[in-house]
Amino acid sequence: MKRRFAYSIDDERIIHNQKSIENDFFVGEVCYVKYVNVDKPLIVNNGISDVCIFDNGYEWLELYPKDGNYALTIMFDNNKNLIEWYFDVSKQIGIENGIPYEDDLYLDYVIMPDKKEIILDEDELLNAVEIGDITEEDKELAYKVVEQLKTKYYDNFESLKELT
């Protein structure tokens, strides 16, 4: 299992800011990241098509819920167009040295602006169980969290857009 931090203070490719929010829909930490010195764009396949998820001028909002097993990254291109809502399913969310982190459980859930849903990296999840990196219970938690995300965010799509 890998620990992923919201940002690195020493990363010269980004401008960042962080604050806590609390409203009816979300309670936790929100980190703003803007990419400014990117050498090469990152293009990934989201299960539907290839998409650029960061380049110069791209902005991300990374949300780390107080009581949740996921990190949500809301990605925007350099024209402030929404790219996607990307959920990293996590065993644990925490804060270390003031910076939020997530212990990644490999499985990812994506909601596109047109409301298409995508589940990614199920093969990585199953492989992690097979090699003993995570437990069978962790795998079950990952699938349970995806169902919770569908209920909270997909089924409340207008609230998700409002949060964004």
C-alpha atoms as a PDB file:
ATOM      1  CA  MET A   1       0.000   0.000   0.000  1.00  0.00           C
ATOM      2  CA  LYS A   2       1.358   3.392  -0.888  1.00  0.00           C
ATOM      3  CA  ARG A   3       0.884   6.658   0.987  1.00  0.00           C
ATOM      4  CA  ARG A   4       0.132   9.628  -1.255  1.00  0.00           C
ATOM      5  CA  PHE A   5       0.326  13.212  -0.002  1.00  0.00           C
ATOM      6  CA  ALA A   6      -1.777  16.076  -1.340  1.00  0.00           C
ATOM      7  CA  TYR A   7       1.338  17.953  -2.399  1.00  0.00           C
ATOM      8  CA  SER A   8       5.022  18.350  -1.691  1.00  0.00           C
ATOM      9  CA  ILE A   9       6.174  21.668  -0.265  1.00  0.00           C
ATOM     10  CA  ASP A  10       9.371  21.343  -2.326  1.00  0.00           C
ATOM     11  CA  ASP A  11       7.645  20.710  -5.663  1.00  0.00           C
ATOM     12  CA  GLU A  12       8.501  23.662  -7.904  1.00  0.00           C
ATOM     13  CA  ARG A  13       5.846  22.600 -10.439  1.00  0.00           C
ATOM     14  CA  ILE A  14       2.989  23.731  -8.238  1.00  0.00           C
ATOM     15  CA  ILE A  15       1.399  26.571  -6.359  1.00  0.00           C
ATOM     16  CA  HIS A  16      -0.680  25.302  -3.455  1.00  0.00           C
ATOM     17  CA  ASN A  17      -3.015  26.389  -0.688  1.00  0.00           C
ATOM     18  CA  GLN A  18      -4.938  24.423   1.940  1.00  0.00           C
ATOM     19  CA  LYS A  19      -7.918  24.985   4.214  1.00  0.00           C
ATOM     20  CA  SER A  20     -10.529  23.146   6.218  1.00  0.00           C
ATOM     21  CA  ILE A  21     -14.159  23.297   5.158  1.00  0.00           C
ATOM     22  CA  GLU A  22     -17.332  22.181   6.835  1.00  0.00           C
ATOM     23  CA  ASN A  23     -20.731  22.233   5.172  1.00  0.00           C
ATOM     24  CA  ASP A  24     -23.730  19.932   4.869  1.00  0.00           C
ATOM     25  CA  PHE A  25     -22.119  17.949   2.041  1.00  0.00           C
ATOM     26  CA  PHE A  26     -18.414  17.771   2.958  1.00  0.00           C
ATOM     27  CA  VAL A  27     -16.237  18.119   6.070  1.00  0.00           C
ATOM     28  CA  GLY A  28     -12.463  17.935   5.770  1.00  0.00           C
ATOM     29  CA  GLU A  29      -9.369  19.408   4.179  1.00  0.00           C
ATOM     30  CA  VAL A  30      -9.273  20.971   0.732  1.00  0.00           C
ATOM     31  CA  CYS A  31      -6.003  21.576  -1.080  1.00  0.00           C
ATOM     32  CA  TYR A  32      -5.720  23.789  -4.124  1.00  0.00           C
ATOM     33  CA  VAL A  33      -2.912  22.883  -6.516  1.00  0.00           C
ATOM     34  CA  LYS A  34      -2.006  24.777  -9.680  1.00  0.00           C
ATOM     35  CA  TYR A  35       0.611  23.346 -12.023  1.00  0.00           C
ATOM     36  CA  VAL A  36       2.985  26.032 -13.303  1.00  0.00           C
ATOM     37  CA  ASN A  37       6.320  24.522 -14.353  1.00  0.00           C
ATOM     38  CA  VAL A  38       5.329  21.277 -16.029  1.00  0.00           C
ATOM     39  CA  ASP A  39       7.933  19.853 -18.404  1.00  0.00           C
ATOM     40  CA  LYS A  40       5.590  17.405 -20.081  1.00  0.00           C
ATOM     41  CA  PRO A  41       1.793  17.005 -19.931  1.00  0.00           C
ATOM     42  CA  LEU A  42       0.423  13.858 -18.305  1.00  0.00           C
ATOM     43  CA  ILE A  43      -2.018  12.019 -20.543  1.00  0.00           C
ATOM     44  CA  VAL A  44      -3.797   8.956 -19.158  1.00  0.00           C
ATOM     45  CA  ASN A  45      -6.527   6.638 -20.321  1.00  0.00           C
ATOM     46  CA  ASN A  46      -9.553   7.005 -18.062  1.00  0.00           C
ATOM     47  CA  GLY A  47     -11.220   3.835 -19.311  1.00  0.00           C
ATOM     48  CA  ILE A  48     -13.064   5.697 -22.055  1.00  0.00           C
ATOM     49  CA  SER A  49     -10.425   7.776 -23.816  1.00  0.00           C
ATOM     50  CA  ASP A  50      -7.025   9.399 -23.421  1.00  0.00           C
ATOM     51  CA  VAL A  51      -7.221  12.614 -21.425  1.00  0.00           C
ATOM     52  CA  CYS A  52      -4.662  15.170 -20.288  1.00  0.00           C
ATOM     53  CA  ILE A  53      -4.978  15.509 -16.506  1.00  0.00           C
ATOM     54  CA  PHE A  54      -2.195  17.983 -15.850  1.00  0.00           C
ATOM     55  CA  ASP A  55      -0.152  20.500 -17.705  1.00  0.00           C
ATOM     56  CA  ASN A  56       0.820  24.130 -17.233  1.00  0.00           C
ATOM     57  CA  GLY A  57      -2.107  26.109 -15.862  1.00  0.00           C
ATOM     58  CA  TYR A  58      -4.119  23.043 -14.819  1.00  0.00           C
ATOM     59  CA  GLU A  59      -5.750  23.257 -11.399  1.00  0.00           C
ATOM     60  CA  TRP A  60      -6.779  20.558  -8.962  1.00  0.00           C
ATOM     61  CA  LEU A  61      -8.875  20.649  -5.836  1.00  0.00           C
ATOM     62  CA  GLU A  62      -7.963  17.717  -3.617  1.00  0.00           C
ATOM     63  CA  LEU A  63     -10.492  16.904  -0.903  1.00  0.00           C
ATOM     64  CA  TYR A  64      -9.675  14.745   2.117  1.00  0.00           C
ATOM     65  CA  PRO A  65     -12.772  14.011   4.204  1.00  0.00           C
ATOM     66  CA  LYS A  66     -12.527  14.007   7.972  1.00  0.00           C
ATOM     67  CA  ASP A  67     -14.323  10.669   8.273  1.00  0.00           C
ATOM     68  CA  GLY A  68     -13.978   8.933   4.924  1.00  0.00           C
ATOM     69  CA  ASN A  69     -11.973   6.353   3.057  1.00  0.00           C
ATOM     70  CA  TYR A  70     -11.235   8.290  -0.099  1.00  0.00           C
ATOM     71  CA  ALA A  71      -9.511  11.326  -1.522  1.00  0.00           C
ATOM     72  CA  LEU A  72     -11.353  13.279  -4.205  1.00  0.00           C
ATOM     73  CA  THR A  73      -9.423  15.157  -6.877  1.00  0.00           C
ATOM     74  CA  ILE A  74     -11.430  17.621  -8.948  1.00  0.00           C
ATOM     75  CA  MET A  75      -9.407  18.380 -12.087  1.00  0.00           C
ATOM     76  CA  PHE A  76      -9.628  21.457 -14.311  1.00  0.00           C
ATOM     77  CA  ASP A  77      -7.727  22.263 -17.491  1.00  0.00           C
ATOM     78  CA  ASN A  78      -5.947  25.561 -18.155  1.00  0.00           C
ATOM     79  CA  ASN A  79      -9.251  27.090 -19.340  1.00  0.00           C
ATOM     80  CA  LYS A  80     -10.981  26.104 -16.065  1.00  0.00           C
ATOM     81  CA  ASN A  81     -13.014  23.375 -17.808  1.00  0.00           C
ATOM     82  CA  LEU A  82     -13.849  20.471 -15.510  1.00  0.00           C
ATOM     83  CA  ILE A  83     -12.022  17.317 -16.586  1.00  0.00           C
ATOM     84  CA  GLU A  84     -13.344  14.816 -14.020  1.00  0.00           C
ATOM     85  CA  TRP A  85     -13.994  13.945 -10.401  1.00  0.00           C
ATOM     86  CA  TYR A  86     -11.408  11.304  -9.470  1.00  0.00           C
ATOM     87  CA  PHE A  87     -11.820   9.313  -6.258  1.00  0.00           C
ATOM     88  CA  ASP A  88      -8.859   7.414  -4.805  1.00  0.00           C
ATOM     89  CA  VAL A  89     -10.294   4.704  -2.556  1.00  0.00           C
ATOM     90  CA  SER A  90      -8.233   4.652   0.637  1.00  0.00           C
ATOM     91  CA  LYS A  91      -7.726   2.577   3.720  1.00  0.00           C
ATOM     92  CA  GLN A  92      -7.093   5.705   5.730  1.00  0.00           C
ATOM     93  CA  ILE A  93      -7.018   9.489   5.411  1.00  0.00           C
ATOM     94  CA  GLY A  94      -4.784  11.503   7.708  1.00  0.00           C
ATOM     95  CA  ILE A  95      -2.592  14.544   8.134  1.00  0.00           C
ATOM     96  CA  GLU A  96       1.175  14.391   8.581  1.00  0.00           C
ATOM     97  CA  ASN A  97       3.261  17.530   9.121  1.00  0.00           C
ATOM     98  CA  GLY A  98       0.144  19.545   8.253  1.00  0.00           C
ATOM     99  CA  ILE A  99      -0.297  17.904   4.831  1.00  0.00           C
ATOM    100  CA  PRO A 100      -3.226  15.567   4.113  1.00  0.00           C
ATOM    101  CA  TYR A 101      -2.485  12.066   2.858  1.00  0.00           C
ATOM    102  CA  GLU A 102      -4.263   8.894   1.848  1.00  0.00           C
ATOM    103  CA  ASP A 103      -3.226   5.259   2.097  1.00  0.00           C
ATOM    104  CA  ASP A 104      -4.246   4.106  -1.363  1.00  0.00           C
ATOM    105  CA  LEU A 105      -6.240   0.898  -1.800  1.00  0.00           C
ATOM    106  CA  TYR A 106      -5.627   0.899  -5.576  1.00  0.00           C
ATOM    107  CA  LEU A 107      -9.279   0.974  -6.668  1.00  0.00           C
ATOM    108  CA  ASP A 108     -10.397   4.274  -8.220  1.00  0.00           C
ATOM    109  CA  TYR A 109     -13.797   5.665  -9.104  1.00  0.00           C
ATOM    110  CA  VAL A 110     -14.352   8.448 -11.641  1.00  0.00           C
ATOM    111  CA  ILE A 111     -17.371  10.576 -12.448  1.00  0.00           C
ATOM    112  CA  MET A 112     -17.201  12.487 -15.719  1.00  0.00           C
ATOM    113  CA  PRO A 113     -18.903  15.872 -16.274  1.00  0.00           C
ATOM    114  CA  ASP A 114     -21.500  14.102 -18.462  1.00  0.00           C
ATOM    115  CA  LYS A 115     -22.218  11.805 -15.446  1.00  0.00           C
ATOM    116  CA  LYS A 116     -20.562   8.700 -16.886  1.00  0.00           C
ATOM    117  CA  GLU A 117     -19.032   6.473 -14.202  1.00  0.00           C
ATOM    118  CA  ILE A 118     -15.756   4.600 -14.478  1.00  0.00           C
ATOM    119  CA  ILE A 119     -14.118   2.130 -12.097  1.00  0.00           C
ATOM    120  CA  LEU A 120     -10.351   1.927 -12.580  1.00  0.00           C
ATOM    121  CA  ASP A 121      -7.484  -0.263 -11.429  1.00  0.00           C
ATOM    122  CA  GLU A 122      -9.485  -3.234 -10.243  1.00  0.00           C
ATOM    123  CA  ASP A 123      -6.647  -5.388 -11.571  1.00  0.00           C
ATOM    124  CA  GLU A 124      -4.210  -3.527  -9.302  1.00  0.00           C
ATOM    125  CA  LEU A 125      -6.507  -4.104  -6.316  1.00  0.00           C
ATOM    126  CA  LEU A 126      -6.747  -7.841  -6.989  1.00  0.00           C
ATOM    127  CA  ASN A 127      -3.001  -8.105  -7.586  1.00  0.00           C
ATOM    128  CA  ALA A 128      -2.284  -6.288  -4.307  1.00  0.00           C
ATOM    129  CA  VAL A 129      -4.339  -8.925  -2.460  1.00  0.00           C
ATOM    130  CA  GLU A 130      -2.614 -11.729  -4.353  1.00  0.00           C
ATOM    131  CA  ILE A 131       0.894 -10.527  -3.447  1.00  0.00           C
ATOM    132  CA  GLY A 132      -0.069  -9.734   0.164  1.00  0.00           C
ATOM    133  CA  ASP A 133       0.259  -5.958  -0.066  1.00  0.00           C
ATOM    134  CA  ILE A 134      -3.300  -5.601   1.252  1.00  0.00           C
ATOM    135  CA  THR A 135      -5.700  -8.014   2.934  1.00  0.00           C
ATOM    136  CA  GLU A 136      -8.941  -9.546   1.736  1.00  0.00           C
ATOM    137  CA  GLU A 137     -10.689  -7.240   4.247  1.00  0.00           C
ATOM    138  CA  ASP A 138      -9.003  -4.236   2.605  1.00  0.00           C
ATOM    139  CA  LYS A 139     -10.333  -5.401  -0.776  1.00  0.00           C
ATOM    140  CA  GLU A 140     -13.854  -5.701   0.645  1.00  0.00           C
ATOM    141  CA  LEU A 141     -13.497  -2.213   2.142  1.00  0.00           C
ATOM    142  CA  ALA A 142     -12.463  -0.831  -1.263  1.00  0.00           C
ATOM    143  CA  TYR A 143     -15.597  -2.181  -2.960  1.00  0.00           C
ATOM    144  CA  LYS A 144     -17.776  -0.949  -0.085  1.00  0.00           C
ATOM    145  CA  VAL A 145     -16.280   2.548  -0.363  1.00  0.00           C
ATOM    146  CA  VAL A 146     -17.036   2.687  -4.103  1.00  0.00           C
ATOM    147  CA  GLU A 147     -20.679   1.893  -3.350  1.00  0.00           C
ATOM    148  CA  GLN A 148     -20.708   4.656  -0.694  1.00  0.00           C
ATOM    149  CA  LEU A 149     -19.199   7.107  -3.190  1.00  0.00           C
ATOM    150  CA  LYS A 150     -21.875   6.265  -5.732  1.00  0.00           C
ATOM    151  CA  THR A 151     -24.571   6.929  -3.142  1.00  0.00           C
ATOM    152  CA  LYS A 152     -23.049  10.139  -1.805  1.00  0.00           C
ATOM    153  CA  TYR A 153     -21.780  11.745  -5.019  1.00  0.00           C
ATOM    154  CA  TYR A 154     -23.267  10.115  -8.113  1.00  0.00           C
ATOM    155  CA  ASP A 155     -26.769   9.927  -6.654  1.00  0.00           C
ATOM    156  CA  ASN A 156     -26.388  13.562  -5.504  1.00  0.00           C
ATOM    157  CA  PHE A 157     -24.780  14.854  -8.696  1.00  0.00           C
ATOM    158  CA  GLU A 158     -26.142  18.392  -8.319  1.00  0.00           C
ATOM    159  CA  SER A 159     -24.649  18.623  -4.813  1.00  0.00           C
ATOM    160  CA  LEU A 160     -21.319  17.393  -6.193  1.00  0.00           C
ATOM    161  CA  LYS A 161     -21.397  20.109  -8.856  1.00  0.00           C
ATOM    162  CA  GLU A 162     -22.287  22.699  -6.217  1.00  0.00           C
ATOM    163  CA  LEU A 163     -19.379  21.555  -4.013  1.00  0.00           C
ATOM    164  CA  THR A 164     -17.083  21.886  -7.025  1.00  0.00           C
END
